[in-house]
C-alpha atoms as a PDB file:
ATOM      1  CA  UNK A   1     -49.287   4.201   0.706  1.00  0.00           C
ATOM      2  CA  UNK A   2     -51.414   6.614   2.731  1.00  0.00           C
ATOM      3  CA  UNK A   3     -50.459  10.296   2.768  1.00  0.00           C
ATOM      4  CA  UNK A   4     -50.748  10.380   6.552  1.00  0.00           C
ATOM      5  CA  UNK A   5     -50.884   8.046   9.541  1.00  0.00           C
ATOM      6  CA  UNK A   6     -54.150   6.536  10.658  1.00  0.00           C
ATOM      7  CA  UNK A   7     -54.290   8.210  14.072  1.00  0.00           C
ATOM      8  CA  UNK A   8     -57.309   9.726  15.898  1.00  0.00           C
ATOM      9  CA  UNK A   9     -57.169  13.548  16.020  1.00  0.00           C
ATOM     10  CA  UNK A  10     -56.725  14.035  19.757  1.00  0.00           C
ATOM     11  CA  UNK A  11     -54.422  16.238  21.805  1.00  0.00           C
ATOM     12  CA  UNK A  12     -52.550  13.274  23.232  1.00  0.00           C
ATOM     13  CA  UNK A  13     -51.991  11.985  19.680  1.00  0.00           C
ATOM     14  CA  UNK A  14     -50.718  15.398  18.646  1.00  0.00           C
ATOM     15  CA  UNK A  15     -48.221  15.542  21.518  1.00  0.00           C
ATOM     16  CA  UNK A  16     -47.047  12.014  20.759  1.00  0.00           C
ATOM     17  CA  UNK A  17     -46.647  12.831  17.051  1.00  0.00           C
ATOM     18  CA  UNK A  18     -44.630  15.957  17.822  1.00  0.00           C
ATOM     19  CA  UNK A  19     -42.300  14.021  20.132  1.00  0.00           C
ATOM     20  CA  UNK A  20     -41.804  11.363  17.460  1.00  0.00           C
ATOM     21  CA  UNK A  21     -41.181  13.988  14.787  1.00  0.00           C
ATOM     22  CA  UNK A  22     -38.433  15.562  16.905  1.00  0.00           C
ATOM     23  CA  UNK A  23     -36.876  12.130  17.305  1.00  0.00           C
ATOM     24  CA  UNK A  24     -37.143  11.435  13.549  1.00  0.00           C
ATOM     25  CA  UNK A  25     -35.554  14.778  12.646  1.00  0.00           C
ATOM     26  CA  UNK A  26     -32.692  14.095  15.038  1.00  0.00           C
ATOM     27  CA  UNK A  27     -32.250  10.632  13.522  1.00  0.00           C
ATOM     28  CA  UNK A  28     -32.280  12.164  10.032  1.00  0.00           C
ATOM     29  CA  UNK A  29     -29.559  14.656  10.993  1.00  0.00           C
ATOM     30  CA  UNK A  30     -27.394  11.883  12.477  1.00  0.00           C
ATOM     31  CA  UNK A  31     -27.853   9.651   9.435  1.00  0.00           C
ATOM     32  CA  UNK A  32     -27.062  12.548   7.107  1.00  0.00           C
ATOM     33  CA  UNK A  33     -23.894  13.227   9.071  1.00  0.00           C
ATOM     34  CA  UNK A  34     -22.986   9.508   8.905  1.00  0.00           C
ATOM     35  CA  UNK A  35     -23.582   9.498   5.144  1.00  0.00           C
ATOM     36  CA  UNK A  36     -21.255  12.487   4.695  1.00  0.00           C
ATOM     37  CA  UNK A  37     -18.517  10.838   6.776  1.00  0.00           C
ATOM     38  CA  UNK A  38     -18.906   7.560   4.878  1.00  0.00           C
ATOM     39  CA  UNK A  39     -18.644   9.427   1.571  1.00  0.00           C
ATOM     40  CA  UNK A  40     -15.434  11.062   2.750  1.00  0.00           C
ATOM     41  CA  UNK A  41     -14.025   7.699   3.855  1.00  0.00           C
ATOM     42  CA  UNK A  42     -14.957   6.127   0.514  1.00  0.00           C
ATOM     43  CA  UNK A  43     -13.112   8.855  -1.403  1.00  0.00           C
ATOM     44  CA  UNK A  44     -10.071   8.470   0.845  1.00  0.00           C
ATOM     45  CA  UNK A  45     -10.084   4.699   0.319  1.00  0.00           C
ATOM     46  CA  UNK A  46     -10.517   5.177  -3.429  1.00  0.00           C
ATOM     47  CA  UNK A  47      -7.362   7.293  -3.553  1.00  0.00           C
ATOM     48  CA  UNK A  48      -5.464   4.797  -1.432  1.00  0.00           C
ATOM     49  CA  UNK A  49      -6.749   1.919  -3.581  1.00  0.00           C
ATOM     50  CA  UNK A  50      -5.609   3.620  -6.794  1.00  0.00           C
ATOM     51  CA  UNK A  51      -2.079   4.210  -5.480  1.00  0.00           C
ATOM     52  CA  UNK A  52      -1.759   0.687  -4.081  1.00  0.00           C
ATOM     53  CA  UNK A  53      -3.142  -0.837  -7.265  1.00  0.00           C
ATOM     54  CA  UNK A  54      -0.550   0.938  -9.416  1.00  0.00           C
ATOM     55  CA  UNK A  55       2.366   0.075  -7.125  1.00  0.00           C
ATOM     56  CA  UNK A  56       1.182  -3.551  -6.796  1.00  0.00           C
ATOM     57  CA  UNK A  57       1.086  -3.981 -10.572  1.00  0.00           C
ATOM     58  CA  UNK A  58       4.642  -2.650 -10.814  1.00  0.00           C
ATOM     59  CA  UNK A  59       5.858  -5.012  -8.061  1.00  0.00           C
ATOM     60  CA  UNK A  60       4.080  -7.968  -9.705  1.00  0.00           C
ATOM     61  CA  UNK A  61       5.662  -7.179 -13.080  1.00  0.00           C
ATOM     62  CA  UNK A  62       9.103  -7.074 -11.433  1.00  0.00           C
ATOM     63  CA  UNK A  63       8.490 -10.358  -9.561  1.00  0.00           C
ATOM     64  CA  UNK A  64       7.395 -12.247 -12.664  1.00  0.00           C
ATOM     65  CA  UNK A  65      10.274 -10.822 -14.667  1.00  0.00           C
ATOM     66  CA  UNK A  66      12.727 -12.226 -12.101  1.00  0.00           C
ATOM     67  CA  UNK A  67      10.806 -15.530 -12.065  1.00  0.00           C
ATOM     68  CA  UNK A  68      11.231 -15.756 -15.838  1.00  0.00           C
ATOM     69  CA  UNK A  69      14.958 -15.117 -15.519  1.00  0.00           C
ATOM     70  CA  UNK A  70      15.281 -17.774 -12.791  1.00  0.00           C
ATOM     71  CA  UNK A  71      13.325 -20.307 -14.842  1.00  0.00           C
ATOM     72  CA  UNK A  72      15.662 -19.779 -17.795  1.00  0.00           C
ATOM     73  CA  UNK A  73      18.752 -20.201 -15.626  1.00  0.00           C
ATOM     74  CA  UNK A  74      17.635 -23.006 -13.306  1.00  0.00           C
ATOM     75  CA  UNK A  75      14.650 -24.686 -14.957  1.00  0.00           C
ATOM     76  CA  UNK A  76      11.143 -25.167 -13.664  1.00  0.00           C
ATOM     77  CA  UNK A  77      11.815 -28.590 -12.112  1.00  0.00           C
ATOM     78  CA  UNK A  78      14.615 -27.286  -9.906  1.00  0.00           C
ATOM     79  CA  UNK A  79      12.486 -24.307  -8.777  1.00  0.00           C
ATOM     80  CA  UNK A  80       9.625 -26.654  -7.856  1.00  0.00           C
ATOM     81  CA  UNK A  81      11.984 -28.845  -5.817  1.00  0.00           C
ATOM     82  CA  UNK A  82      13.375 -25.853  -3.933  1.00  0.00           C
ATOM     83  CA  UNK A  83       9.875 -24.433  -3.353  1.00  0.00           C
ATOM     84  CA  UNK A  84       8.844 -27.544  -1.431  1.00  0.00           C
ATOM     85  CA  UNK A  85      11.236 -26.798   1.413  1.00  0.00           C
ATOM     86  CA  UNK A  86      11.392 -23.020   1.060  1.00  0.00           C
ATOM     87  CA  UNK A  87      11.224 -21.164   4.419  1.00  0.00           C
ATOM     88  CA  UNK A  88       8.515 -18.566   4.944  1.00  0.00           C
ATOM     89  CA  UNK A  89       9.188 -15.150   3.450  1.00  0.00           C
ATOM     90  CA  UNK A  90       6.339 -13.172   5.050  1.00  0.00           C
ATOM     91  CA  UNK A  91       4.477 -13.124   8.327  1.00  0.00           C
ATOM     92  CA  UNK A  92       0.853 -12.005   8.475  1.00  0.00           C
ATOM     93  CA  UNK A  93      -1.955 -11.501  10.947  1.00  0.00           C
ATOM     94  CA  UNK A  94      -5.575 -10.641  10.148  1.00  0.00           C
ATOM     95  CA  UNK A  95      -7.365  -8.559  12.774  1.00  0.00           C
ATOM     96  CA  UNK A  96     -10.900  -7.107  12.792  1.00  0.00           C
ATOM     97  CA  UNK A  97     -11.223  -3.351  12.394  1.00  0.00           C
ATOM     98  CA  UNK A  98     -14.326  -1.199  12.789  1.00  0.00           C
ATOM     99  CA  UNK A  99     -14.939   2.237  11.324  1.00  0.00           C
ATOM    100  CA  UNK A 100     -18.321   4.004  11.235  1.00  0.00           C
ATOM    101  CA  UNK A 101     -20.027   0.749  12.331  1.00  0.00           C
ATOM    102  CA  UNK A 102     -18.425  -1.031   9.345  1.00  0.00           C
ATOM    103  CA  UNK A 103     -16.223  -4.028  10.179  1.00  0.00           C
ATOM    104  CA  UNK A 104     -13.514  -5.189   7.790  1.00  0.00           C
ATOM    105  CA  UNK A 105     -10.272  -7.156   8.147  1.00  0.00           C
ATOM    106  CA  UNK A 106      -7.013  -5.403   8.919  1.00  0.00           C
ATOM    107  CA  UNK A 107      -3.921  -7.163   7.612  1.00  0.00           C
ATOM    108  CA  UNK A 108      -0.632  -6.828   9.454  1.00  0.00           C
ATOM    109  CA  UNK A 109       2.007  -8.294   7.159  1.00  0.00           C
ATOM    110  CA  UNK A 110       5.758  -7.957   7.114  1.00  0.00           C
ATOM    111  CA  UNK A 111       8.666  -9.536   5.261  1.00  0.00           C
ATOM    112  CA  UNK A 112      10.966 -11.975   7.016  1.00  0.00           C
ATOM    113  CA  UNK A 113      14.702 -12.163   6.388  1.00  0.00           C
ATOM    114  CA  UNK A 114      15.507 -14.447   3.494  1.00  0.00           C
ATOM    115  CA  UNK A 115      16.957 -17.722   4.692  1.00  0.00           C
ATOM    116  CA  UNK A 116      19.558 -19.576   2.571  1.00  0.00           C
ATOM    117  CA  UNK A 117      18.300 -22.528   0.570  1.00  0.00           C
ATOM    118  CA  UNK A 118      21.608 -24.013  -0.551  1.00  0.00           C
ATOM    119  CA  UNK A 119      24.135 -23.107  -3.186  1.00  0.00           C
ATOM    120  CA  UNK A 120      24.169 -26.266  -5.313  1.00  0.00           C
ATOM    121  CA  UNK A 121      22.070 -25.970  -8.440  1.00  0.00           C
ATOM    122  CA  UNK A 122      20.883 -22.437  -7.632  1.00  0.00           C
ATOM    123  CA  UNK A 123      21.392 -19.065  -9.242  1.00  0.00           C
ATOM    124  CA  UNK A 124      21.740 -15.562  -7.811  1.00  0.00           C
ATOM    125  CA  UNK A 125      18.499 -14.615  -9.531  1.00  0.00           C
ATOM    126  CA  UNK A 126      16.639 -16.959  -7.157  1.00  0.00           C
ATOM    127  CA  UNK A 127      17.172 -14.557  -4.250  1.00  0.00           C
ATOM    128  CA  UNK A 128      15.875 -11.659  -6.325  1.00  0.00           C
ATOM    129  CA  UNK A 129      12.821 -13.743  -7.248  1.00  0.00           C
ATOM    130  CA  UNK A 130      12.160 -14.675  -3.630  1.00  0.00           C
ATOM    131  CA  UNK A 131      12.524 -11.068  -2.472  1.00  0.00           C
ATOM    132  CA  UNK A 132      10.287  -9.783  -5.266  1.00  0.00           C
ATOM    133  CA  UNK A 133       7.551 -12.311  -4.545  1.00  0.00           C
ATOM    134  CA  UNK A 134       7.731 -11.534  -0.810  1.00  0.00           C
ATOM    135  CA  UNK A 135       7.257  -7.855  -1.613  1.00  0.00           C
ATOM    136  CA  UNK A 136       4.407  -8.769  -3.963  1.00  0.00           C
ATOM    137  CA  UNK A 137       2.677 -10.762  -1.205  1.00  0.00           C
ATOM    138  CA  UNK A 138       2.880  -7.743   1.111  1.00  0.00           C
ATOM    139  CA  UNK A 139       1.431  -5.385  -1.512  1.00  0.00           C
ATOM    140  CA  UNK A 140      -1.346  -7.791  -2.519  1.00  0.00           C
ATOM    141  CA  UNK A 141      -2.371  -8.242   1.131  1.00  0.00           C
ATOM    142  CA  UNK A 142      -2.475  -4.479   1.646  1.00  0.00           C
ATOM    143  CA  UNK A 143      -4.464  -4.046  -1.565  1.00  0.00           C
ATOM    144  CA  UNK A 144      -6.928  -6.754  -0.491  1.00  0.00           C
ATOM    145  CA  UNK A 145      -7.449  -5.005   2.856  1.00  0.00           C
ATOM    146  CA  UNK A 146      -8.164  -1.640   1.194  1.00  0.00           C
ATOM    147  CA  UNK A 147     -10.431  -3.199  -1.444  1.00  0.00           C
ATOM    148  CA  UNK A 148     -12.474  -5.114   1.157  1.00  0.00           C
ATOM    149  CA  UNK A 149     -12.815  -1.993   3.296  1.00  0.00           C
ATOM    150  CA  UNK A 150     -13.840   0.027   0.246  1.00  0.00           C
ATOM    151  CA  UNK A 151     -16.598  -2.385  -0.795  1.00  0.00           C
ATOM    152  CA  UNK A 152     -17.988  -2.628   2.735  1.00  0.00           C
ATOM    153  CA  UNK A 153     -17.918   1.154   3.182  1.00  0.00           C
ATOM    154  CA  UNK A 154     -19.711   1.555  -0.159  1.00  0.00           C
ATOM    155  CA  UNK A 155     -22.369  -0.956   0.904  1.00  0.00           C
ATOM    156  CA  UNK A 156     -22.887   0.854   4.222  1.00  0.00           C
ATOM    157  CA  UNK A 157     -23.042   4.183   2.391  1.00  0.00           C
ATOM    158  CA  UNK A 158     -25.785   2.835   0.087  1.00  0.00           C
ATOM    159  CA  UNK A 159     -27.787   1.544   3.076  1.00  0.00           C
ATOM    160  CA  UNK A 160     -27.415   4.856   4.885  1.00  0.00           C
ATOM    161  CA  UNK A 161     -28.450   6.770   1.763  1.00  0.00           C
ATOM    162  CA  UNK A 162     -31.612   4.632   1.511  1.00  0.00           C
ATOM    163  CA  UNK A 163     -32.468   5.346   5.151  1.00  0.00           C
ATOM    164  CA  UNK A 164     -31.830   9.071   4.687  1.00  0.00           C
ATOM    165  CA  UNK A 165     -34.070   9.162   1.609  1.00  0.00           C
ATOM    166  CA  UNK A 166     -36.806   7.148   3.370  1.00  0.00           C
ATOM    167  CA  UNK A 167     -36.838   9.578   6.285  1.00  0.00           C
ATOM    168  CA  UNK A 168     -36.594  12.703   4.143  1.00  0.00           C
ATOM    169  CA  UNK A 169     -39.117  11.832   1.436  1.00  0.00           C
ATOM    170  CA  UNK A 170     -41.474   9.372   3.135  1.00  0.00           C
ATOM    171  CA  UNK A 171     -41.521   9.026   6.927  1.00  0.00           C
ATOM    172  CA  UNK A 172     -41.007  12.635   8.051  1.00  0.00           C
ATOM    173  CA  UNK A 173     -43.441  14.132   5.474  1.00  0.00           C
ATOM    174  CA  UNK A 174     -46.119  11.603   6.561  1.00  0.00           C
ATOM    175  CA  UNK A 175     -45.702  12.663  10.172  1.00  0.00           C
ATOM    176  CA  UNK A 176     -45.817  16.336   9.174  1.00  0.00           C
ATOM    177  CA  UNK A 177     -49.019  15.799   7.172  1.00  0.00           C
ATOM    178  CA  UNK A 178     -50.546  13.846  10.057  1.00  0.00           C
ATOM    179  CA  UNK A 179     -49.658  16.592  12.518  1.00  0.00           C
ATOM    180  CA  UNK A 180     -51.157  19.207  10.192  1.00  0.00           C
ATOM    181  CA  UNK A 181     -54.337  17.100   9.898  1.00  0.00           C
ATOM    182  CA  UNK A 182     -54.642  16.604  13.667  1.00  0.00           C
ATOM    183  CA  UNK A 183     -54.018  20.317  14.325  1.00  0.00           C
ATOM    184  CA  UNK A 184     -56.621  21.242  11.720  1.00  0.00           C
ATOM    185  CA  UNK A 185     -59.145  18.800  13.205  1.00  0.00           C
ATOM    186  CA  UNK A 186     -58.546  20.090  16.749  1.00  0.00           C
ATOM    187  CA  UNK A 187     -58.888  23.685  15.596  1.00  0.00           C
ATOM    188  CA  UNK A 188     -62.121  22.818  13.797  1.00  0.00           C
ATOM    189  CA  UNK A 189     -63.414  21.053  16.902  1.00  0.00           C
ATOM    190  CA  UNK A 190     -62.421  24.040  19.044  1.00  0.00           C
ATOM    191  CA  UNK A 191     -64.250  26.420  16.704  1.00  0.00           C
ATOM    192  CA  UNK A 192     -67.358  24.222  16.826  1.00  0.00           C
ATOM    193  CA  UNK A 193     -67.232  24.113  20.626  1.00  0.00           C
ATOM    194  CA  UNK A 194     -66.779  27.886  20.806  1.00  0.00           C
ATOM    195  CA  UNK A 195     -69.717  28.412  18.430  1.00  0.00           C
ATOM    196  CA  UNK A 196     -71.899  26.102  20.502  1.00  0.00           C
ATOM    197  CA  UNK A 197     -70.920  27.954  23.682  1.00  0.00           C
ATOM    198  CA  UNK A 198     -71.852  31.301  22.083  1.00  0.00           C
ATOM    199  CA  UNK A 199     -75.209  29.932  20.953  1.00  0.00           C
ATOM    200  CA  UNK A 200     -75.846  28.527  24.419  1.00  0.00           C
ATOM    201  CA  UNK A 201     -74.847  31.838  26.017  1.00  0.00           C
ATOM    202  CA  UNK A 202     -77.367  33.748  23.849  1.00  0.00           C
ATOM    203  CA  UNK A 203     -80.142  31.362  24.786  1.00  0.00           C
ATOM    204  CA  UNK A 204     -79.349  31.745  28.466  1.00  0.00           C
END
């Protein structure tokens, strides 16, 4: 890659380069600010993800413990029969959310009141199992939302970091070197013109 842009050393080129350099520096400052905000959001989401992950594992352990108890008391066949006509235990909606130009799904999920499923051939542990699995569904949905947001924020942060590095270490230095070259060429041309004018003045 060339150290500078292939531009003729004229005054109009110099003015155009300076305008573009101002624009590039402003873009660099905005991207750097965006990168800092994305980094802060990523760390916030990481903390939220860690807490949700721990609580979700605890809720899952409790749900499967109650499922094991229910299976021992009622049997797997009876649970499968009841599950076929089981009313919904949670209600969920997935909505788009945007943060720092990053779009990710937002999950609105809530538990519904447990509806009775009959008393014949059932055990009290079935209600605990249903409630535990409903709570687990809520936690897993929340965890999935945070994890998806975290990965998309990380991806956007990486892209922004690449753009920041490209501007800082490649594009802006090339413009600066080109400006320095054009200024040097114009100064050299001005000195030559001044020298020629002095020579001409002596002859006259």
